[in-house]
Amino acid sequence: MDLPLVLAQPREAVLAEMRAVVGDRALPIYAMARYALGWVEADGGPRSDPAGKGIRPALAVLAGRAIDPSDAAGRRALAGAAAVEFVHNFSLVHDDIQDRDDERHHRPTVWRVWGEAQAINVGDSLRELAQSALSRATQAGASADTVLDAADTLNRCTMEMIEGQYLDLDFESRRTVSADDYLTMVERKTGALLGCSLAIGALLAGGDRDVAARLEHAGRCLGLAFQIRDDVLGIWGDSSATGKSSDNDIRRRKKSFPIVHALEEPDSPEHAALARVYAADAAGDGAPVGDEDVRAVTRALDALGARAASERAAGLHYDGFLAALADCGLRAEGRAALEEAGRFIVRREH
């Protein structure tokens, strides 16, 4: 499924803004950062098709247009769009280390190329480049107070995202995780930055704090739908489309939404098979999940209707996103573009 035009169209402008932030910095860490961003190959050679969907920066641009479609407002929102994309990539570099992922977007992850220590430095540098990106909004005409509001939103939501990643890792060693626990984690890990994307674009385009707060809530709803869809793809997705192994989440005993849902179902042979695999990590024996265990988990999830339940849940949170958007007083054209972006997010195959 290709990106819809509303998400694809801002891509070149966002990339140009991000490239301007990085500039011609020559220290090798910036070559590593450019690799992480999908701009170059590991040897520094150019990459013609930058990796990643660019959903978060596109949402920031779309939110800005929904407030004020003028070119001037668009340039201000673009600074926020670049900032959230730097933060997103910072999180991916660190997540790949924590998750021991070997590939992202069909390429070796940063830590696999340069080692864990330098990958941590690369992630940290991307986080700081986000601040540099946001400061460029003043050059586009944003007031100091507006940029300060945007920075506060970015920093608060980034901290929540990190809290969510902490909870996600913590869940791996817990015997039980409830659906409520899961949703609390996801609102932080994924929802916070999607909410930030909408809020920061609106603020920099001239929206007031109330509208920005409403859009942040809408983005958090969308983030829940986004992550549940991601969880579905993490088990049933086509690895050639997602760029990640389709059994990695199971092998890591990741307590994603399908797993949490299935473990809350009444006792049955399928439930017992699932619980046996996932209890091992909580017991601390560290036994690897073998091929037969992966097949047993997949069979149990299918028997317990976990995929259908996950897709229903994603749909409900998308409905929450639509309801929240309707409460923001946006321009009709701008609201329609955000709705189209949301539809892609809950139906995507990668």
C-alpha atoms as a PDB file:
ATOM      1  CA  MET A   1       0.000   0.000   0.000  1.00  0.00           C
ATOM      2  CA  ASP A   2       1.600   3.235  -1.170  1.00  0.00           C
ATOM      3  CA  LEU A   3       1.503   6.365   0.955  1.00  0.00           C
ATOM      4  CA  PRO A   4      -1.537   8.538   0.190  1.00  0.00           C
ATOM      5  CA  LEU A   5      -0.735  11.885  -1.382  1.00  0.00           C
ATOM      6  CA  VAL A   6      -1.551  13.782   1.823  1.00  0.00           C
ATOM      7  CA  LEU A   7       1.313  11.967   3.571  1.00  0.00           C
ATOM      8  CA  ALA A   8       3.696  11.735   0.615  1.00  0.00           C
ATOM      9  CA  GLN A   9       3.421  15.343  -0.548  1.00  0.00           C
ATOM     10  CA  PRO A  10       5.197  16.994   2.452  1.00  0.00           C
ATOM     11  CA  ARG A  11       8.100  14.530   2.290  1.00  0.00           C
ATOM     12  CA  GLU A  12      10.535  16.490   0.102  1.00  0.00           C
ATOM     13  CA  ALA A  13      10.043  19.737   2.011  1.00  0.00           C
ATOM     14  CA  VAL A  14      10.584  17.955   5.337  1.00  0.00           C
ATOM     15  CA  LEU A  15      13.737  16.242   4.060  1.00  0.00           C
ATOM     16  CA  ALA A  16      15.092  19.553   2.774  1.00  0.00           C
ATOM     17  CA  GLU A  17      14.457  21.168   6.156  1.00  0.00           C
ATOM     18  CA  MET A  18      16.169  18.312   7.993  1.00  0.00           C
ATOM     19  CA  ARG A  19      19.151  18.377   5.644  1.00  0.00           C
ATOM     20  CA  ALA A  20      19.489  22.100   6.293  1.00  0.00           C
ATOM     21  CA  VAL A  21      19.595  21.412  10.038  1.00  0.00           C
ATOM     22  CA  VAL A  22      22.324  18.768   9.705  1.00  0.00           C
ATOM     23  CA  GLY A  23      24.186  20.885   7.168  1.00  0.00           C
ATOM     24  CA  ASP A  24      27.693  19.880   6.144  1.00  0.00           C
ATOM     25  CA  ARG A  25      28.883  18.706   9.570  1.00  0.00           C
ATOM     26  CA  ALA A  26      31.850  16.479   8.810  1.00  0.00           C
ATOM     27  CA  LEU A  27      32.503  14.501  12.017  1.00  0.00           C
ATOM     28  CA  PRO A  28      31.799  10.796  11.300  1.00  0.00           C
ATOM     29  CA  ILE A  29      28.945  10.726  13.817  1.00  0.00           C
ATOM     30  CA  TYR A  30      26.933  12.821  11.358  1.00  0.00           C
ATOM     31  CA  ALA A  31      27.577  10.293   8.593  1.00  0.00           C
ATOM     32  CA  MET A  32      26.148   7.703  10.984  1.00  0.00           C
ATOM     33  CA  ALA A  33      23.183   9.985  11.672  1.00  0.00           C
ATOM     34  CA  ARG A  34      22.570  10.428   7.943  1.00  0.00           C
ATOM     35  CA  TYR A  35      22.601   6.630   7.630  1.00  0.00           C
ATOM     36  CA  ALA A  36      20.096   6.324  10.478  1.00  0.00           C
ATOM     37  CA  LEU A  37      17.870   8.851   8.712  1.00  0.00           C
ATOM     38  CA  GLY A  38      18.032   6.801   5.516  1.00  0.00           C
ATOM     39  CA  TRP A  39      19.867   9.426   3.474  1.00  0.00           C
ATOM     40  CA  VAL A  40      23.093   7.530   2.782  1.00  0.00           C
ATOM     41  CA  GLU A  41      24.506   4.022   2.759  1.00  0.00           C
ATOM     42  CA  ALA A  42      26.914   2.775   5.419  1.00  0.00           C
ATOM     43  CA  ASP A  43      29.890   3.770   3.252  1.00  0.00           C
ATOM     44  CA  GLY A  44      28.561   7.332   2.970  1.00  0.00           C
ATOM     45  CA  GLY A  45      27.327   6.926  -0.583  1.00  0.00           C
ATOM     46  CA  PRO A  46      23.997   8.557  -1.440  1.00  0.00           C
ATOM     47  CA  ARG A  47      20.732   6.674  -1.113  1.00  0.00           C
ATOM     48  CA  SER A  48      18.182   7.575  -3.762  1.00  0.00           C
ATOM     49  CA  ASP A  49      15.079   6.593  -1.793  1.00  0.00           C
ATOM     50  CA  PRO A  50      15.232   7.696   1.855  1.00  0.00           C
ATOM     51  CA  ALA A  51      13.762   5.132   4.226  1.00  0.00           C
ATOM     52  CA  GLY A  52      10.715   5.588   6.424  1.00  0.00           C
ATOM     53  CA  LYS A  53       7.156   6.704   5.836  1.00  0.00           C
ATOM     54  CA  GLY A  54       7.474  10.153   7.378  1.00  0.00           C
ATOM     55  CA  ILE A  55       4.065   9.932   9.029  1.00  0.00           C
ATOM     56  CA  ARG A  56       4.833  12.136  12.031  1.00  0.00           C
ATOM     57  CA  PRO A  57       6.283  15.119  10.158  1.00  0.00           C
ATOM     58  CA  ALA A  58       3.506  14.872   7.588  1.00  0.00           C
ATOM     59  CA  LEU A  59       0.941  15.081  10.392  1.00  0.00           C
ATOM     60  CA  ALA A  60       2.659  18.214  11.705  1.00  0.00           C
ATOM     61  CA  VAL A  61       2.501  19.807   8.255  1.00  0.00           C
ATOM     62  CA  LEU A  62      -1.146  18.790   7.795  1.00  0.00           C
ATOM     63  CA  ALA A  63      -2.105  20.155  11.213  1.00  0.00           C
ATOM     64  CA  GLY A  64      -0.444  23.447  10.329  1.00  0.00           C
ATOM     65  CA  ARG A  65      -2.366  23.650   7.063  1.00  0.00           C
ATOM     66  CA  ALA A  66      -5.601  22.865   8.877  1.00  0.00           C
ATOM     67  CA  ILE A  67      -4.992  25.985  10.984  1.00  0.00           C
ATOM     68  CA  ASP A  68      -3.574  28.293   8.301  1.00  0.00           C
ATOM     69  CA  PRO A  69      -2.870  27.181   4.701  1.00  0.00           C
ATOM     70  CA  SER A  70      -0.576  30.126   3.927  1.00  0.00           C
ATOM     71  CA  ASP A  71       3.027  29.569   2.842  1.00  0.00           C
ATOM     72  CA  ALA A  72       4.302  31.556   5.822  1.00  0.00           C
ATOM     73  CA  ALA A  73       2.465  29.329   8.305  1.00  0.00           C
ATOM     74  CA  GLY A  74       3.644  26.277   6.391  1.00  0.00           C
ATOM     75  CA  ARG A  75       7.283  27.295   6.753  1.00  0.00           C
ATOM     76  CA  ARG A  76       6.858  27.673  10.506  1.00  0.00           C
ATOM     77  CA  ALA A  77       5.129  24.294  10.824  1.00  0.00           C
ATOM     78  CA  LEU A  78       7.922  22.703   8.798  1.00  0.00           C
ATOM     79  CA  ALA A  79      10.406  23.441  11.583  1.00  0.00           C
ATOM     80  CA  GLY A  80       8.220  21.476  13.989  1.00  0.00           C
ATOM     81  CA  ALA A  81       7.812  18.670  11.460  1.00  0.00           C
ATOM     82  CA  ALA A  82      11.582  18.293  11.166  1.00  0.00           C
ATOM     83  CA  ALA A  83      11.934  18.310  14.950  1.00  0.00           C
ATOM     84  CA  VAL A  84       9.469  15.472  15.531  1.00  0.00           C
ATOM     85  CA  GLU A  85      11.101  13.387  12.792  1.00  0.00           C
ATOM     86  CA  PHE A  86      14.521  13.790  14.409  1.00  0.00           C
ATOM     87  CA  VAL A  87      13.014  12.687  17.736  1.00  0.00           C
ATOM     88  CA  HIS A  88      11.307   9.718  16.102  1.00  0.00           C
ATOM     89  CA  ASN A  89      14.572   8.541  14.555  1.00  0.00           C
ATOM     90  CA  PHE A  90      16.412   9.025  17.847  1.00  0.00           C
ATOM     91  CA  SER A  91      13.908   6.620  19.387  1.00  0.00           C
ATOM     92  CA  LEU A  92      14.345   4.068  16.582  1.00  0.00           C
ATOM     93  CA  VAL A  93      18.129   3.959  16.944  1.00  0.00           C
ATOM     94  CA  HIS A  94      17.862   3.332  20.684  1.00  0.00           C
ATOM     95  CA  ASP A  95      14.932   0.912  20.297  1.00  0.00           C
ATOM     96  CA  ASP A  96      16.939  -1.223  17.880  1.00  0.00           C
ATOM     97  CA  ILE A  97      19.674  -1.608  20.490  1.00  0.00           C
ATOM     98  CA  GLN A  98      17.193  -2.501  23.230  1.00  0.00           C
ATOM     99  CA  ASP A  99      15.249  -4.894  21.007  1.00  0.00           C
ATOM    100  CA  ARG A 100      18.422  -6.436  19.486  1.00  0.00           C
ATOM    101  CA  ASP A 101      16.985  -5.852  16.011  1.00  0.00           C
ATOM    102  CA  ASP A 102      19.449  -6.557  13.212  1.00  0.00           C
ATOM    103  CA  GLU A 103      17.558  -4.803  10.420  1.00  0.00           C
ATOM    104  CA  ARG A 104      15.369  -1.771   9.859  1.00  0.00           C
ATOM    105  CA  HIS A 105      13.984  -0.807   6.461  1.00  0.00           C
ATOM    106  CA  HIS A 106      15.805  -3.796   4.931  1.00  0.00           C
ATOM    107  CA  ARG A 107      19.222  -2.513   6.087  1.00  0.00           C
ATOM    108  CA  PRO A 108      21.482  -3.334   9.046  1.00  0.00           C
ATOM    109  CA  THR A 109      20.595  -1.251  12.084  1.00  0.00           C
ATOM    110  CA  VAL A 110      23.000   1.419  13.300  1.00  0.00           C
ATOM    111  CA  TRP A 111      24.239  -0.644  16.233  1.00  0.00           C
ATOM    112  CA  ARG A 112      24.943  -3.614  13.964  1.00  0.00           C
ATOM    113  CA  VAL A 113      27.116  -1.441  11.717  1.00  0.00           C
ATOM    114  CA  TRP A 114      28.987   0.694  14.279  1.00  0.00           C
ATOM    115  CA  GLY A 115      28.371  -0.995  17.633  1.00  0.00           C
ATOM    116  CA  GLU A 116      26.122  -0.193  20.568  1.00  0.00           C
ATOM    117  CA  ALA A 117      28.182   2.623  22.078  1.00  0.00           C
ATOM    118  CA  GLN A 118      28.321   4.694  18.900  1.00  0.00           C
ATOM    119  CA  ALA A 119      24.674   3.938  18.151  1.00  0.00           C
ATOM    120  CA  ILE A 120      23.767   5.485  21.506  1.00  0.00           C
ATOM    121  CA  ASN A 121      25.738   8.567  20.499  1.00  0.00           C
ATOM    122  CA  VAL A 122      23.943   8.692  17.146  1.00  0.00           C
ATOM    123  CA  GLY A 123      20.562   8.537  18.858  1.00  0.00           C
ATOM    124  CA  ASP A 124      21.579  11.276  21.276  1.00  0.00           C
ATOM    125  CA  SER A 125      22.753  13.479  18.409  1.00  0.00           C
ATOM    126  CA  LEU A 126      19.411  13.096  16.633  1.00  0.00           C
ATOM    127  CA  ARG A 127      17.623  14.162  19.807  1.00  0.00           C
ATOM    128  CA  GLU A 128      19.699  17.342  19.959  1.00  0.00           C
ATOM    129  CA  LEU A 129      19.240  18.041  16.255  1.00  0.00           C
ATOM    130  CA  ALA A 130      15.514  18.162  17.012  1.00  0.00           C
ATOM    131  CA  GLN A 131      16.119  21.195  19.213  1.00  0.00           C
ATOM    132  CA  SER A 132      18.146  22.860  16.476  1.00  0.00           C
ATOM    133  CA  ALA A 133      15.354  22.159  14.000  1.00  0.00           C
ATOM    134  CA  LEU A 134      12.710  23.710  16.217  1.00  0.00           C
ATOM    135  CA  SER A 135      14.741  26.857  16.777  1.00  0.00           C
ATOM    136  CA  ARG A 136      14.585  27.530  13.025  1.00  0.00           C
ATOM    137  CA  ALA A 137      10.891  28.399  13.417  1.00  0.00           C
ATOM    138  CA  THR A 138      11.967  31.858  14.590  1.00  0.00           C
ATOM    139  CA  GLN A 139      13.681  32.409  11.237  1.00  0.00           C
ATOM    140  CA  ALA A 140      10.335  31.637   9.593  1.00  0.00           C
ATOM    141  CA  GLY A 141       8.585  34.286  11.694  1.00  0.00           C
ATOM    142  CA  ALA A 142       7.376  32.427  14.788  1.00  0.00           C
ATOM    143  CA  SER A 143       7.453  34.415  18.019  1.00  0.00           C
ATOM    144  CA  ALA A 144       9.753  33.413  20.856  1.00  0.00           C
ATOM    145  CA  ASP A 145       6.726  32.566  23.030  1.00  0.00           C
ATOM    146  CA  THR A 146       5.294  30.303  20.339  1.00  0.00           C
ATOM    147  CA  VAL A 147       8.585  28.470  19.886  1.00  0.00           C
ATOM    148  CA  LEU A 148       8.842  28.084  23.661  1.00  0.00           C
ATOM    149  CA  ASP A 149       5.345  26.537  23.752  1.00  0.00           C
ATOM    150  CA  ALA A 150       6.305  24.214  20.914  1.00  0.00           C
ATOM    151  CA  ALA A 151       9.557  23.231  22.649  1.00  0.00           C
ATOM    152  CA  ASP A 152       7.697  22.509  25.881  1.00  0.00           C
ATOM    153  CA  THR A 153       5.286  20.268  23.965  1.00  0.00           C
ATOM    154  CA  LEU A 154       8.127  18.469  22.189  1.00  0.00           C
ATOM    155  CA  ASN A 155      10.149  17.888  25.359  1.00  0.00           C
ATOM    156  CA  ARG A 156       7.151  16.767  27.414  1.00  0.00           C
ATOM    157  CA  CYS A 157       6.004  14.320  24.757  1.00  0.00           C
ATOM    158  CA  THR A 158       9.543  13.026  24.179  1.00  0.00           C
ATOM    159  CA  MET A 159       9.837  12.247  27.882  1.00  0.00           C
ATOM    160  CA  GLU A 160       6.504  10.421  27.768  1.00  0.00           C
ATOM    161  CA  MET A 161       7.713   8.438  24.762  1.00  0.00           C
ATOM    162  CA  ILE A 162      10.773   7.346  26.740  1.00  0.00           C
ATOM    163  CA  GLU A 163       8.543   6.396  29.686  1.00  0.00           C
ATOM    164  CA  GLY A 164       6.499   4.274  27.294  1.00  0.00           C
ATOM    165  CA  GLN A 165       9.586   2.494  26.031  1.00  0.00           C
ATOM    166  CA  TYR A 166      10.594   1.792  29.636  1.00  0.00           C
ATOM    167  CA  LEU A 167       7.182   0.253  30.308  1.00  0.00           C
ATOM    168  CA  ASP A 168       7.323  -1.794  27.113  1.00  0.00           C
ATOM    169  CA  LEU A 169      10.644  -3.314  28.151  1.00  0.00           C
ATOM    170  CA  ASP A 170       9.414  -3.824  31.711  1.00  0.00           C
ATOM    171  CA  PHE A 171       6.414  -5.771  30.426  1.00  0.00           C
ATOM    172  CA  GLU A 172       8.722  -8.403  28.931  1.00  0.00           C
ATOM    173  CA  SER A 173       9.676  -9.644  32.399  1.00  0.00           C
ATOM    174  CA  ARG A 174       6.198  -9.387  33.931  1.00  0.00           C
ATOM    175  CA  ARG A 175       4.036 -12.475  34.103  1.00  0.00           C
ATOM    176  CA  THR A 176       0.804 -10.576  33.515  1.00  0.00           C
ATOM    177  CA  VAL A 177       0.027  -7.378  31.647  1.00  0.00           C
ATOM    178  CA  SER A 178      -3.567  -6.163  31.448  1.00  0.00           C
ATOM    179  CA  ALA A 179      -5.143  -4.438  28.478  1.00  0.00           C
ATOM    180  CA  ASP A 180      -5.254  -1.249  30.555  1.00  0.00           C
ATOM    181  CA  ASP A 181      -1.522  -1.577  31.298  1.00  0.00           C
ATOM    182  CA  TYR A 182      -0.877  -2.001  27.601  1.00  0.00           C
ATOM    183  CA  LEU A 183      -2.926   1.041  26.578  1.00  0.00           C
ATOM    184  CA  THR A 184      -1.209   3.194  29.205  1.00  0.00           C
ATOM    185  CA  MET A 185       2.160   2.154  27.802  1.00  0.00           C
ATOM    186  CA  VAL A 186       1.144   2.730  24.177  1.00  0.00           C
ATOM    187  CA  GLU A 187      -0.327   6.163  24.817  1.00  0.00           C
ATOM    188  CA  ARG A 188       3.140   7.153  26.005  1.00  0.00           C
ATOM    189  CA  LYS A 189       5.344   5.167  23.629  1.00  0.00           C
ATOM    190  CA  THR A 190       3.475   5.934  20.401  1.00  0.00           C
ATOM    191  CA  GLY A 191       0.603   8.263  21.172  1.00  0.00           C
ATOM    192  CA  ALA A 192       2.675  11.019  22.754  1.00  0.00           C
ATOM    193  CA  LEU A 193       4.760  11.756  19.656  1.00  0.00           C
ATOM    194  CA  LEU A 194       1.809  11.527  17.263  1.00  0.00           C
ATOM    195  CA  GLY A 195      -0.068  13.906  19.536  1.00  0.00           C
ATOM    196  CA  CYS A 196       2.990  16.144  19.608  1.00  0.00           C
ATOM    197  CA  SER A 197       3.143  16.153  15.807  1.00  0.00           C
ATOM    198  CA  LEU A 198      -0.371  17.539  15.506  1.00  0.00           C
ATOM    199  CA  ALA A 199       0.001  19.974  18.390  1.00  0.00           C
ATOM    200  CA  ILE A 200       3.357  21.384  17.327  1.00  0.00           C
ATOM    201  CA  GLY A 201       2.237  21.920  13.741  1.00  0.00           C
ATOM    202  CA  ALA A 202      -0.852  23.745  14.944  1.00  0.00           C
ATOM    203  CA  LEU A 203       1.043  25.927  17.432  1.00  0.00           C
ATOM    204  CA  LEU A 204       3.660  27.028  14.922  1.00  0.00           C
ATOM    205  CA  ALA A 205       1.012  27.770  12.287  1.00  0.00           C
ATOM    206  CA  GLY A 206      -0.733  30.133  14.695  1.00  0.00           C
ATOM    207  CA  GLY A 207      -3.199  27.921  16.534  1.00  0.00           C
ATOM    208  CA  ASP A 208      -3.916  28.656  20.175  1.00  0.00           C
ATOM    209  CA  ARG A 209      -3.067  26.385  23.083  1.00  0.00           C
ATOM    210  CA  ASP A 210      -6.614  25.056  23.399  1.00  0.00           C
ATOM    211  CA  VAL A 211      -6.726  23.883  19.782  1.00  0.00           C
ATOM    212  CA  ALA A 212      -3.222  22.431  20.134  1.00  0.00           C
ATOM    213  CA  ALA A 213      -4.307  20.480  23.229  1.00  0.00           C
ATOM    214  CA  ARG A 214      -7.350  19.111  21.405  1.00  0.00           C
ATOM    215  CA  LEU A 215      -5.204  18.068  18.465  1.00  0.00           C
ATOM    216  CA  GLU A 216      -2.712  16.440  20.814  1.00  0.00           C
ATOM    217  CA  HIS A 217      -5.558  14.357  22.238  1.00  0.00           C
ATOM    218  CA  ALA A 218      -6.615  13.389  18.714  1.00  0.00           C
ATOM    219  CA  GLY A 219      -3.058  12.336  17.932  1.00  0.00           C
ATOM    220  CA  ARG A 220      -2.876  10.194  21.051  1.00  0.00           C
ATOM    221  CA  CYS A 221      -6.036   8.366  19.950  1.00  0.00           C
ATOM    222  CA  LEU A 222      -4.468   7.841  16.544  1.00  0.00           C
ATOM    223  CA  GLY A 223      -1.305   6.618  18.235  1.00  0.00           C
ATOM    224  CA  LEU A 224      -3.238   3.840  19.965  1.00  0.00           C
ATOM    225  CA  ALA A 225      -4.694   2.743  16.629  1.00  0.00           C
ATOM    226  CA  PHE A 226      -1.256   3.047  15.011  1.00  0.00           C
ATOM    227  CA  GLN A 227       0.477   0.845  17.589  1.00  0.00           C
ATOM    228  CA  ILE A 228      -2.199  -1.833  17.615  1.00  0.00           C
ATOM    229  CA  ARG A 229      -1.942  -2.002  13.818  1.00  0.00           C
ATOM    230  CA  ASP A 230       1.841  -2.216  14.207  1.00  0.00           C
ATOM    231  CA  ASP A 231       1.385  -5.095  16.637  1.00  0.00           C
ATOM    232  CA  VAL A 232      -0.774  -6.937  14.105  1.00  0.00           C
ATOM    233  CA  LEU A 233       1.874  -6.441  11.424  1.00  0.00           C
ATOM    234  CA  GLY A 234       4.548  -7.580  13.882  1.00  0.00           C
ATOM    235  CA  ILE A 235       2.938 -11.037  13.991  1.00  0.00           C
ATOM    236  CA  TRP A 236       0.987 -11.424  10.745  1.00  0.00           C
ATOM    237  CA  GLY A 237       2.679  -8.854   8.499  1.00  0.00           C
ATOM    238  CA  ASP A 238       4.684  -9.594   5.368  1.00  0.00           C
ATOM    239  CA  SER A 239       8.336  -9.134   6.320  1.00  0.00           C
ATOM    240  CA  SER A 240       9.185  -8.093   2.756  1.00  0.00           C
ATOM    241  CA  ALA A 241       6.838  -5.125   3.240  1.00  0.00           C
ATOM    242  CA  THR A 242       7.524  -4.294   6.896  1.00  0.00           C
ATOM    243  CA  GLY A 243      11.304  -4.656   6.695  1.00  0.00           C
ATOM    244  CA  LYS A 244      11.373  -6.677   9.929  1.00  0.00           C
ATOM    245  CA  SER A 245      11.087 -10.371  10.721  1.00  0.00           C
ATOM    246  CA  SER A 246       7.457 -11.402  11.195  1.00  0.00           C
ATOM    247  CA  ASP A 247       8.296 -13.627  14.163  1.00  0.00           C
ATOM    248  CA  ASN A 248      10.645 -11.294  16.038  1.00  0.00           C
ATOM    249  CA  ASP A 249       7.946 -10.017  18.410  1.00  0.00           C
ATOM    250  CA  ILE A 250       7.032 -13.575  19.393  1.00  0.00           C
ATOM    251  CA  ARG A 251      10.651 -14.666  19.807  1.00  0.00           C
ATOM    252  CA  ARG A 252      11.191 -11.724  22.166  1.00  0.00           C
ATOM    253  CA  ARG A 253       7.966 -12.590  24.041  1.00  0.00           C
ATOM    254  CA  LYS A 254       6.812  -9.059  23.388  1.00  0.00           C
ATOM    255  CA  LYS A 255       3.469  -8.440  25.091  1.00  0.00           C
ATOM    256  CA  SER A 256       1.797  -6.728  22.166  1.00  0.00           C
ATOM    257  CA  PHE A 257      -1.948  -6.173  21.945  1.00  0.00           C
ATOM    258  CA  PRO A 258      -2.790  -9.549  20.328  1.00  0.00           C
ATOM    259  CA  ILE A 259      -0.860 -11.357  23.063  1.00  0.00           C
ATOM    260  CA  VAL A 260      -2.381  -9.333  25.907  1.00  0.00           C
ATOM    261  CA  HIS A 261      -5.872  -9.875  24.500  1.00  0.00           C
ATOM    262  CA  ALA A 262      -5.348 -13.616  24.108  1.00  0.00           C
ATOM    263  CA  LEU A 263      -3.898 -14.025  27.599  1.00  0.00           C
ATOM    264  CA  GLU A 264      -7.011 -12.357  29.044  1.00  0.00           C
ATOM    265  CA  GLU A 265      -9.275 -14.926  27.382  1.00  0.00           C
ATOM    266  CA  PRO A 266     -10.748 -17.731  29.550  1.00  0.00           C
ATOM    267  CA  ASP A 267      -8.617 -20.798  30.126  1.00  0.00           C
ATOM    268  CA  SER A 268      -8.405 -23.184  27.182  1.00  0.00           C
ATOM    269  CA  PRO A 269      -5.756 -25.440  25.634  1.00  0.00           C
ATOM    270  CA  GLU A 270      -4.751 -22.541  23.383  1.00  0.00           C
ATOM    271  CA  HIS A 271      -4.511 -20.171  26.342  1.00  0.00           C
ATOM    272  CA  ALA A 272      -2.354 -22.702  28.191  1.00  0.00           C
ATOM    273  CA  ALA A 273       0.009 -23.055  25.226  1.00  0.00           C
ATOM    274  CA  LEU A 274       0.366 -19.303  24.982  1.00  0.00           C
ATOM    275  CA  ALA A 275       0.853 -18.851  28.727  1.00  0.00           C
ATOM    276  CA  ARG A 276       3.556 -21.529  28.789  1.00  0.00           C
ATOM    277  CA  VAL A 277       5.701 -19.668  26.252  1.00  0.00           C
ATOM    278  CA  TYR A 278       5.210 -16.230  27.793  1.00  0.00           C
ATOM    279  CA  ALA A 279       5.620 -17.342  31.412  1.00  0.00           C
ATOM    280  CA  ALA A 280       9.162 -18.544  30.746  1.00  0.00           C
ATOM    281  CA  ASP A 281      10.576 -15.041  30.420  1.00  0.00           C
ATOM    282  CA  ALA A 282       8.816 -13.827  33.560  1.00  0.00           C
ATOM    283  CA  ALA A 283      10.301 -16.799  35.398  1.00  0.00           C
ATOM    284  CA  GLY A 284      13.740 -15.537  34.435  1.00  0.00           C
ATOM    285  CA  ASP A 285      14.996 -18.711  32.771  1.00  0.00           C
ATOM    286  CA  GLY A 286      15.660 -16.874  29.505  1.00  0.00           C
ATOM    287  CA  ALA A 287      14.862 -19.951  27.413  1.00  0.00           C
ATOM    288  CA  PRO A 288      14.830 -19.011  23.722  1.00  0.00           C
ATOM    289  CA  VAL A 289      11.580 -19.220  21.785  1.00  0.00           C
ATOM    290  CA  GLY A 290      12.097 -21.916  19.161  1.00  0.00           C
ATOM    291  CA  ASP A 291      10.382 -22.453  15.835  1.00  0.00           C
ATOM    292  CA  GLU A 292       7.806 -24.823  17.304  1.00  0.00           C
ATOM    293  CA  ASP A 293       6.978 -22.311  20.045  1.00  0.00           C
ATOM    294  CA  VAL A 294       6.470 -19.618  17.398  1.00  0.00           C
ATOM    295  CA  ARG A 295       4.073 -21.895  15.536  1.00  0.00           C
ATOM    296  CA  ALA A 296       2.258 -22.776  18.771  1.00  0.00           C
ATOM    297  CA  VAL A 297       1.807 -19.103  19.657  1.00  0.00           C
ATOM    298  CA  THR A 298       0.520 -18.268  16.179  1.00  0.00           C
ATOM    299  CA  ARG A 299      -1.962 -21.163  16.292  1.00  0.00           C
ATOM    300  CA  ALA A 300      -3.173 -20.086  19.727  1.00  0.00           C
ATOM    301  CA  LEU A 301      -3.627 -16.480  18.621  1.00  0.00           C
ATOM    302  CA  ASP A 302      -5.611 -17.578  15.586  1.00  0.00           C
ATOM    303  CA  ALA A 303      -7.809 -19.889  17.660  1.00  0.00           C
ATOM    304  CA  LEU A 304      -8.477 -17.161  20.227  1.00  0.00           C
ATOM    305  CA  GLY A 305      -9.426 -14.570  17.596  1.00  0.00           C
ATOM    306  CA  ALA A 306      -6.606 -12.227  18.586  1.00  0.00           C
ATOM    307  CA  ARG A 307      -6.124 -10.703  15.147  1.00  0.00           C
ATOM    308  CA  ALA A 308      -9.790  -9.804  14.685  1.00  0.00           C
ATOM    309  CA  ALA A 309      -9.959  -8.397  18.217  1.00  0.00           C
ATOM    310  CA  SER A 310      -6.873  -6.278  17.557  1.00  0.00           C
ATOM    311  CA  GLU A 311      -8.294  -4.908  14.328  1.00  0.00           C
ATOM    312  CA  ARG A 312     -11.548  -4.027  16.093  1.00  0.00           C
ATOM    313  CA  ALA A 313      -9.622  -2.219  18.826  1.00  0.00           C
ATOM    314  CA  ALA A 314      -7.596  -0.253  16.280  1.00  0.00           C
ATOM    315  CA  GLY A 315     -10.848   0.752  14.587  1.00  0.00           C
ATOM    316  CA  LEU A 316     -12.338   1.972  17.855  1.00  0.00           C
ATOM    317  CA  HIS A 317      -9.331   4.173  18.586  1.00  0.00           C
ATOM    318  CA  TYR A 318      -9.444   5.523  15.037  1.00  0.00           C
ATOM    319  CA  ASP A 319     -13.081   6.443  15.695  1.00  0.00           C
ATOM    320  CA  GLY A 320     -11.854   8.276  18.795  1.00  0.00           C
ATOM    321  CA  PHE A 321      -9.378  10.148  16.603  1.00  0.00           C
ATOM    322  CA  LEU A 322     -12.181  11.203  14.238  1.00  0.00           C
ATOM    323  CA  ALA A 323     -14.364  12.376  17.119  1.00  0.00           C
ATOM    324  CA  ALA A 324     -11.497  14.380  18.605  1.00  0.00           C
ATOM    325  CA  LEU A 325     -10.746  16.016  15.244  1.00  0.00           C
ATOM    326  CA  ALA A 326     -14.379  17.042  14.923  1.00  0.00           C
ATOM    327  CA  ASP A 327     -13.995  18.950  18.192  1.00  0.00           C
ATOM    328  CA  CYS A 328     -11.033  21.052  16.997  1.00  0.00           C
ATOM    329  CA  GLY A 329     -12.816  23.582  14.777  1.00  0.00           C
ATOM    330  CA  LEU A 330     -10.473  22.953  11.844  1.00  0.00           C
ATOM    331  CA  ARG A 331     -10.890  24.046   8.262  1.00  0.00           C
ATOM    332  CA  ALA A 332     -12.951  21.401   6.427  1.00  0.00           C
ATOM    333  CA  GLU A 333     -10.247  20.715   3.848  1.00  0.00           C
ATOM    334  CA  GLY A 334      -7.583  20.403   6.513  1.00  0.00           C
ATOM    335  CA  ARG A 335      -9.686  18.091   8.642  1.00  0.00           C
ATOM    336  CA  ALA A 336     -10.397  15.862   5.622  1.00  0.00           C
ATOM    337  CA  ALA A 337      -6.670  15.545   4.922  1.00  0.00           C
ATOM    338  CA  LEU A 338      -5.991  14.471   8.512  1.00  0.00           C
ATOM    339  CA  GLU A 339      -8.819  11.937   8.339  1.00  0.00           C
ATOM    340  CA  GLU A 340      -7.321  10.473   5.155  1.00  0.00           C
ATOM    341  CA  ALA A 341      -3.939  10.199   6.840  1.00  0.00           C
ATOM    342  CA  GLY A 342      -5.551   8.388   9.756  1.00  0.00           C
ATOM    343  CA  ARG A 343      -7.286   5.901   7.462  1.00  0.00           C
ATOM    344  CA  PHE A 344      -3.956   4.930   5.961  1.00  0.00           C
ATOM    345  CA  ILE A 345      -2.411   4.473   9.390  1.00  0.00           C
ATOM    346  CA  VAL A 346      -5.022   1.948  10.532  1.00  0.00           C
ATOM    347  CA  ARG A 347      -5.088   0.040   7.221  1.00  0.00           C
ATOM    348  CA  ARG A 348      -1.427   0.051   6.206  1.00  0.00           C
ATOM    349  CA  GLU A 349       0.492  -3.118   5.395  1.00  0.00           C
ATOM    350  CA  HIS A 350       3.955  -1.843   6.381  1.00  0.00           C
END
